[in-house]
Amino acid sequence: MQPLYVVGGEQKDDLNSQDEWHVHRAGTVARIDPQTGDARTLFEYQSPPELCPDQDPSFLFKASTLHEDRFYTCTSTEVLVYSFPDMELRQRITHPCFNDLHHINISPDGLLYVANTGLDSVVEMTPDGEITRHWSVLDGLKVWERFSQDVDYRKVLTTKPHLAHPNYVFFVDGDVWVTRCKQRDAICLTRPGRRFSVGEACPVHDGIVTSHGIYFTQVDGKITEIDEQTLQMRAEHDLAAMMPGIRKPGWCRGLHVVDEHRVLVGFSRLRPTKWQGNLNWLKLTELRWLHRMPARICLFNLTERKVEWDQPLQDFGMTTVFSIHPDPRTEAASAAA
């Protein structure tokens, strides 16, 4: 397995009664080589004061994208473009409409798509950062019917409760899709009306498109496979059942599909939250126990129903995982060999 780049953040030490928009100290990127055992923090990041709320802001990297020689990531209010692999900051894109960004992705034709979660929307931009489209992910509503163009949402602590909580943008046959956490589904933005369900009981994340299906995480530790042609559920895998001695592995989010049989999955350390509805899949005794579980990434063999590899992340100061990225240079080298 090639080296991995894990994207997320570190919670602050004092989390007593903290809402999530205050919780994280810094965004973090770690590099882990499962073959050699080498693992280290590459860098941390905090947004400049003018691009975040004034009152005790939270800093965190959300779901990112490795594309050619660039690493695209996002904070709550910025899209950051780093050169890869040296990780030098090359570009910052920010707009007053940005609030609680959750994912940045690059389309095959080079456009940038951002899950603008705080405004229940998706933003399309040119590589220079010019906004070309701004979709609401709510049926029948436009973005500026619920929000004001006169507000700088980068300075707003939170717009919660969100009505949809879009969190991951992906592409299928040239169309733009987005995962909606609240509705537990995915909808097509470029062909309105197309949608498919992902899960039933728990919020969903991700939307990893492969040659053999589209994969999603559910926060309670399940992986859902969707057939790309029929858009119907093909399989659901309970990861907790594959982890002996662990009743619930943590907040499941962050996914890389290695092949048809194996997936890399991230688990964040659970934290106190005002929005208790997000944790209604846990019993109180399990919640107390999970606060002691470190964040981790695990390699699962879905066919054999077992964990093949497990890497806790506390040594890198990482408590929250948003995305996992294999080194594309070693992946290309392996394919050529």
Protein backbone atom coordinates (compact mmCIF):
# COMPACT_ATOMS: atom_id res chain seq x y z
CA MET A 1 0.00 0.00 0.00
CA GLN A 2 1.38 3.39 -1.01
CA PRO A 3 1.97 6.35 1.34
CA LEU A 4 -1.19 8.14 2.50
CA TYR A 5 -2.06 11.75 3.17
CA VAL A 6 -4.64 12.13 5.94
CA VAL A 7 -6.52 15.44 6.19
CA GLY A 8 -8.40 16.76 9.21
CA GLY A 9 -7.61 18.64 12.38
CA GLU A 10 -6.89 18.70 16.09
CA GLN A 11 -9.43 19.48 18.77
CA LYS A 12 -8.65 22.03 21.46
CA ASP A 13 -7.74 20.74 24.90
CA ASP A 14 -10.75 22.21 26.70
CA LEU A 15 -13.93 20.92 25.11
CA ASN A 16 -16.31 21.39 28.03
CA SER A 17 -19.64 22.59 26.67
CA GLN A 18 -18.00 23.63 23.42
CA ASP A 19 -20.07 23.93 20.27
CA GLU A 20 -18.47 22.49 17.16
CA TRP A 21 -17.78 25.92 15.66
CA HIS A 22 -15.31 26.53 18.52
CA VAL A 23 -13.79 23.06 18.84
CA HIS A 24 -10.73 22.73 16.58
CA ARG A 25 -7.32 24.29 17.20
CA ALA A 26 -5.80 23.78 13.73
CA GLY A 27 -6.18 22.03 10.41
CA THR A 28 -3.68 19.19 10.04
CA VAL A 29 -2.21 17.10 7.23
CA ALA A 30 -0.27 13.93 8.10
CA ARG A 31 1.74 11.59 5.87
CA ILE A 32 1.76 7.89 6.73
CA ASP A 33 3.72 5.16 4.95
CA PRO A 34 2.25 1.75 5.88
CA GLN A 35 5.19 -0.08 4.25
CA THR A 36 8.03 1.63 6.13
CA GLY A 37 6.18 2.71 9.25
CA ASP A 38 7.23 6.33 8.69
CA ALA A 39 4.49 8.69 9.88
CA ARG A 40 4.63 12.42 10.58
CA THR A 41 2.68 15.66 10.61
CA LEU A 42 3.39 17.66 7.45
CA PHE A 43 1.88 20.96 8.48
CA GLU A 44 -0.82 22.73 10.48
CA TYR A 45 -2.90 25.74 9.51
CA GLN A 46 -5.05 28.47 11.06
CA SER A 47 -7.02 30.97 8.98
CA PRO A 48 -6.07 34.66 9.16
CA PRO A 49 -8.30 36.77 11.45
CA GLU A 50 -9.97 38.64 8.61
CA LEU A 51 -11.26 35.34 7.13
CA CYS A 52 -12.86 33.80 10.20
CA PRO A 53 -15.30 34.74 12.98
CA ASP A 54 -13.99 37.04 15.69
CA GLN A 55 -15.24 34.96 18.62
CA ASP A 56 -13.06 31.91 19.34
CA PRO A 57 -13.10 30.40 15.82
CA SER A 58 -12.48 26.77 14.95
CA PHE A 59 -9.77 25.80 12.43
CA LEU A 60 -10.00 22.56 10.49
CA PHE A 61 -9.20 21.12 7.08
CA LYS A 62 -12.20 19.52 5.40
CA ALA A 63 -12.39 16.97 2.56
CA SER A 64 -9.65 17.63 0.01
CA THR A 65 -8.47 16.61 -3.45
CA LEU A 66 -5.08 15.63 -4.90
CA HIS A 67 -5.12 16.62 -8.57
CA GLU A 68 -1.98 16.37 -10.74
CA ASP A 69 0.69 18.46 -8.97
CA ARG A 70 -1.72 20.32 -6.70
CA PHE A 71 -3.26 19.60 -3.32
CA TYR A 72 -6.64 21.34 -2.91
CA THR A 73 -8.06 21.66 0.58
CA CYS A 74 -10.54 23.91 2.35
CA THR A 75 -11.11 25.48 5.72
CA SER A 76 -14.54 26.74 6.71
CA THR A 77 -14.01 29.94 4.70
CA GLU A 78 -11.17 29.31 2.22
CA VAL A 79 -10.07 27.10 -0.63
CA LEU A 80 -6.30 26.60 -0.37
CA VAL A 81 -4.15 25.30 -3.21
CA TYR A 82 -0.75 23.81 -2.36
CA SER A 83 1.94 22.55 -4.69
CA PHE A 84 2.48 18.81 -4.35
CA PRO A 85 4.49 17.15 -2.92
CA ASP A 86 6.37 20.08 -1.30
CA MET A 87 3.11 21.51 0.13
CA GLU A 88 3.84 25.18 -0.50
CA LEU A 89 0.77 27.44 -0.45
CA ARG A 90 0.23 28.75 -4.00
CA GLN A 91 -3.29 30.15 -3.99
CA ARG A 92 -6.06 31.19 -1.61
CA ILE A 93 -9.65 31.57 -2.82
CA THR A 94 -12.26 33.08 -0.55
CA HIS A 95 -15.63 34.78 -0.98
CA PRO A 96 -18.08 36.40 1.44
CA CYS A 97 -20.58 33.60 0.72
CA PHE A 98 -18.21 30.92 2.09
CA ASN A 99 -19.37 29.38 5.36
CA ASP A 100 -18.56 25.92 6.74
CA LEU A 101 -17.04 24.58 3.51
CA HIS A 102 -16.84 20.77 3.57
CA HIS A 103 -15.25 19.67 0.29
CA ILE A 104 -13.33 20.94 -2.73
CA ASN A 105 -13.22 18.91 -5.93
CA ILE A 106 -11.97 19.43 -9.49
CA SER A 107 -14.09 18.45 -12.49
CA PRO A 108 -12.58 16.75 -15.56
CA ASP A 109 -12.69 20.11 -17.38
CA GLY A 110 -10.79 21.89 -14.59
CA LEU A 111 -13.59 23.74 -12.81
CA LEU A 112 -13.62 23.92 -9.00
CA TYR A 113 -16.64 22.76 -7.02
CA VAL A 114 -17.10 23.54 -3.34
CA ALA A 115 -19.66 22.11 -0.91
CA ASN A 116 -20.68 25.37 0.78
CA THR A 117 -22.37 23.64 3.67
CA GLY A 118 -23.27 26.72 5.72
CA LEU A 119 -25.46 28.06 2.91
CA ASP A 120 -26.80 24.62 1.90
CA SER A 121 -25.27 25.14 -1.52
CA VAL A 122 -22.58 24.18 -4.02
CA VAL A 123 -20.33 26.79 -5.65
CA GLU A 124 -18.78 26.35 -9.12
CA MET A 125 -15.63 28.39 -9.82
CA THR A 126 -12.97 28.86 -12.45
CA PRO A 127 -9.38 27.93 -11.49
CA ASP A 128 -8.84 31.63 -10.71
CA GLY A 129 -11.67 31.57 -8.19
CA GLU A 130 -14.37 33.38 -10.15
CA ILE A 131 -17.82 32.11 -9.18
CA THR A 132 -19.70 30.93 -12.27
CA ARG A 133 -22.65 29.11 -10.67
CA HIS A 134 -24.15 28.86 -7.18
CA TRP A 135 -26.68 26.08 -6.62
CA SER A 136 -29.02 25.62 -3.69
CA VAL A 137 -29.28 21.92 -2.79
CA LEU A 138 -32.87 22.39 -1.59
CA ASP A 139 -35.69 21.70 -4.02
CA GLY A 140 -37.46 24.81 -5.20
CA LEU A 141 -35.26 27.26 -3.28
CA LYS A 142 -32.57 29.61 -4.49
CA VAL A 143 -29.55 30.42 -2.33
CA TRP A 144 -30.40 34.10 -1.88
CA GLU A 145 -33.99 33.40 -0.92
CA ARG A 146 -32.75 32.10 2.45
CA PHE A 147 -29.55 34.12 2.82
CA SER A 148 -28.45 37.70 2.22
CA GLN A 149 -25.90 38.82 -0.35
CA ASP A 150 -25.08 41.74 1.98
CA VAL A 151 -23.61 39.51 4.73
CA ASP A 152 -20.01 38.35 4.94
CA TYR A 153 -20.66 34.77 6.04
CA ARG A 154 -16.97 34.19 6.72
CA LYS A 155 -17.48 36.20 9.92
CA VAL A 156 -20.62 34.27 10.95
CA LEU A 157 -19.94 31.56 13.55
CA THR A 158 -22.66 29.24 12.29
CA THR A 159 -25.79 29.15 10.17
CA LYS A 160 -27.01 25.94 11.82
CA PRO A 161 -29.32 24.17 11.81
CA HIS A 162 -28.64 23.30 8.17
CA LEU A 163 -31.56 21.98 6.14
CA ALA A 164 -29.48 19.66 3.94
CA HIS A 165 -25.80 19.84 4.98
CA PRO A 166 -24.20 19.10 1.58
CA ASN A 167 -20.75 17.68 2.22
CA TYR A 168 -19.17 16.03 -0.85
CA VAL A 169 -19.20 16.85 -4.58
CA PHE A 170 -18.58 14.11 -7.16
CA PHE A 171 -18.96 13.54 -10.90
CA VAL A 172 -20.76 10.78 -12.81
CA ASP A 173 -20.75 10.75 -16.64
CA GLY A 174 -20.07 14.49 -16.79
CA ASP A 175 -22.81 15.43 -14.32
CA VAL A 176 -22.24 17.14 -10.97
CA TRP A 177 -23.61 15.40 -7.90
CA VAL A 178 -23.53 16.26 -4.20
CA THR A 179 -24.07 14.19 -1.06
CA ARG A 180 -26.71 15.56 1.34
CA CYS A 181 -26.04 14.50 4.91
CA LYS A 182 -29.48 15.31 6.33
CA GLN A 183 -31.51 13.67 3.56
CA ARG A 184 -29.15 10.66 3.43
CA ASP A 185 -29.03 10.88 -0.34
CA ALA A 186 -27.18 12.32 -3.33
CA ILE A 187 -28.69 14.70 -5.88
CA CYS A 188 -27.66 15.74 -9.38
CA LEU A 189 -27.14 19.50 -9.83
CA THR A 190 -26.75 19.55 -13.60
CA ARG A 191 -29.84 17.39 -14.21
CA PRO A 192 -32.29 18.44 -11.49
CA GLY A 193 -34.64 15.75 -10.26
CA ARG A 194 -32.15 12.90 -10.31
CA ARG A 195 -31.36 11.50 -6.86
CA PHE A 196 -30.70 8.27 -5.04
CA SER A 197 -30.81 7.20 -1.40
CA VAL A 198 -27.61 6.25 0.40
CA GLY A 199 -28.63 5.22 3.93
CA GLU A 200 -31.65 5.04 6.18
CA ALA A 201 -30.78 5.65 9.82
CA CYS A 202 -27.64 7.82 9.92
CA PRO A 203 -26.11 10.88 8.25
CA VAL A 204 -23.93 10.13 5.22
CA HIS A 205 -20.62 11.43 3.88
CA ASP A 206 -18.26 11.00 0.93
CA GLY A 207 -19.17 9.90 -2.61
CA ILE A 208 -16.15 8.10 -4.06
CA VAL A 209 -16.66 7.18 -7.71
CA THR A 210 -14.77 4.10 -8.96
CA SER A 211 -15.01 1.83 -11.99
CA HIS A 212 -17.05 -0.61 -9.91
CA GLY A 213 -19.43 1.69 -8.05
CA ILE A 214 -19.94 4.77 -5.88
CA TYR A 215 -19.02 4.45 -2.20
CA PHE A 216 -20.31 6.37 0.82
CA THR A 217 -19.71 6.34 4.55
CA GLN A 218 -22.40 6.48 7.20
CA VAL A 219 -21.40 8.02 10.51
CA ASP A 220 -22.28 4.89 12.51
CA GLY A 221 -19.59 2.87 10.72
CA LYS A 222 -21.22 1.55 7.57
CA ILE A 223 -20.06 1.62 3.95
CA THR A 224 -22.69 1.78 1.21
CA GLU A 225 -22.01 0.73 -2.39
CA ILE A 226 -24.19 2.23 -5.12
CA ASP A 227 -24.32 0.80 -8.64
CA GLU A 228 -23.24 3.59 -10.98
CA GLN A 229 -25.58 2.51 -13.79
CA THR A 230 -28.79 1.84 -11.88
CA LEU A 231 -28.10 4.21 -8.93
CA GLN A 232 -29.43 1.48 -6.64
CA MET A 233 -27.79 0.21 -3.47
CA ARG A 234 -25.66 -2.84 -4.24
CA ALA A 235 -24.28 -3.60 -0.79
CA GLU A 236 -23.94 -2.25 2.73
CA HIS A 237 -21.06 -3.22 5.01
CA ASP A 238 -21.09 -2.92 8.81
CA LEU A 239 -17.49 -2.03 9.72
CA ALA A 240 -18.06 -2.24 13.47
CA ALA A 241 -18.83 -5.95 13.07
CA MET A 242 -15.37 -6.38 11.51
CA MET A 243 -13.54 -4.84 14.50
CA PRO A 244 -13.36 -7.35 17.37
CA GLY A 245 -13.85 -5.83 20.79
CA ILE A 246 -15.02 -2.45 19.48
CA ARG A 247 -18.75 -1.77 19.78
CA LYS A 248 -18.73 1.45 17.75
CA PRO A 249 -15.50 2.61 16.06
CA GLY A 250 -16.22 6.37 16.14
CA TRP A 251 -17.53 9.03 13.78
CA CYS A 252 -17.03 7.40 10.38
CA ARG A 253 -15.99 9.81 7.59
CA GLY A 254 -13.15 9.85 5.06
CA LEU A 255 -12.82 7.09 2.49
CA HIS A 256 -10.45 5.72 -0.13
CA VAL A 257 -11.46 2.70 -2.21
CA VAL A 258 -8.34 0.58 -2.79
CA ASP A 259 -10.07 -2.01 -4.96
CA GLU A 260 -13.31 -4.01 -5.13
CA HIS A 261 -12.46 -5.78 -1.88
CA ARG A 262 -10.63 -3.22 0.29
CA VAL A 263 -11.38 0.27 1.58
CA LEU A 264 -9.48 2.73 3.78
CA VAL A 265 -11.78 4.47 6.24
CA GLY A 266 -11.30 7.30 8.72
CA PHE A 267 -12.79 7.47 12.21
CA SER A 268 -12.83 10.72 14.15
CA ARG A 269 -12.81 10.96 17.92
CA LEU A 270 -16.28 11.82 19.09
CA ARG A 271 -16.71 15.11 20.90
CA PRO A 272 -19.44 16.78 22.95
CA THR A 273 -21.99 18.30 20.60
CA LYS A 274 -24.97 20.59 20.98
CA TRP A 275 -26.68 18.76 18.13
CA GLN A 276 -27.45 15.55 20.02
CA GLY A 277 -29.58 14.31 17.13
CA ASN A 278 -26.35 13.57 15.27
CA LEU A 279 -25.45 10.99 17.91
CA ASN A 280 -28.81 9.29 18.43
CA TRP A 281 -27.33 6.07 17.03
CA LEU A 282 -25.22 5.77 20.20
CA LYS A 283 -26.22 4.68 23.67
CA LEU A 284 -25.00 6.90 26.53
CA THR A 285 -22.58 4.23 27.78
CA GLU A 286 -21.09 3.90 24.29
CA LEU A 287 -20.70 7.67 23.98
CA ARG A 288 -18.71 7.87 27.22
CA TRP A 289 -16.48 5.02 26.08
CA LEU A 290 -15.93 6.47 22.60
CA HIS A 291 -14.62 9.78 23.97
CA ARG A 292 -11.52 7.78 24.94
CA MET A 293 -11.05 6.24 21.49
CA PRO A 294 -8.38 7.99 19.37
CA ALA A 295 -9.01 8.98 15.79
CA ARG A 296 -7.71 6.35 13.37
CA ILE A 297 -7.65 5.10 9.81
CA CYS A 298 -8.28 1.45 9.07
CA LEU A 299 -7.92 -0.79 6.03
CA PHE A 300 -10.90 -3.14 5.74
CA ASN A 301 -11.22 -6.24 3.61
CA LEU A 302 -14.93 -6.20 2.83
CA THR A 303 -14.90 -9.67 1.29
CA GLU A 304 -13.19 -11.36 4.21
CA ARG A 305 -14.90 -9.01 6.71
CA LYS A 306 -11.81 -8.08 8.68
CA VAL A 307 -9.41 -5.24 9.48
CA GLU A 308 -6.07 -5.67 7.72
CA TRP A 309 -4.35 -2.55 9.07
CA ASP A 310 -5.05 0.06 11.73
CA GLN A 311 -3.25 3.36 12.38
CA PRO A 312 -4.19 5.53 15.40
CA LEU A 313 -3.62 9.24 14.75
CA GLN A 314 -3.15 10.75 18.20
CA ASP A 315 0.65 10.94 17.76
CA PHE A 316 0.08 13.50 14.97
CA GLY A 317 -2.28 15.61 17.04
CA MET A 318 -5.13 14.55 14.78
CA THR A 319 -8.52 13.98 16.36
CA THR A 320 -10.75 14.56 13.32
CA VAL A 321 -10.49 12.93 9.88
CA PHE A 322 -12.11 14.32 6.74
CA SER A 323 -10.33 12.63 3.83
CA ILE A 324 -7.64 10.09 2.94
CA HIS A 325 -5.47 10.33 -0.19
CA PRO A 326 -2.95 7.81 -1.53
CA ASP A 327 0.23 9.26 -3.00
CA PRO A 328 -0.62 9.41 -6.74
CA ARG A 329 3.06 9.16 -7.73
CA THR A 330 3.51 5.74 -6.14
CA GLU A 331 0.06 4.65 -7.38
CA ALA A 332 1.06 5.51 -10.95
CA ALA A 333 4.40 3.77 -10.54
CA SER A 334 2.71 0.62 -9.25
CA ALA A 335 0.28 0.61 -12.18
CA ALA A 336 3.13 1.01 -14.69
CA ALA A 337 5.04 -1.86 -13.12
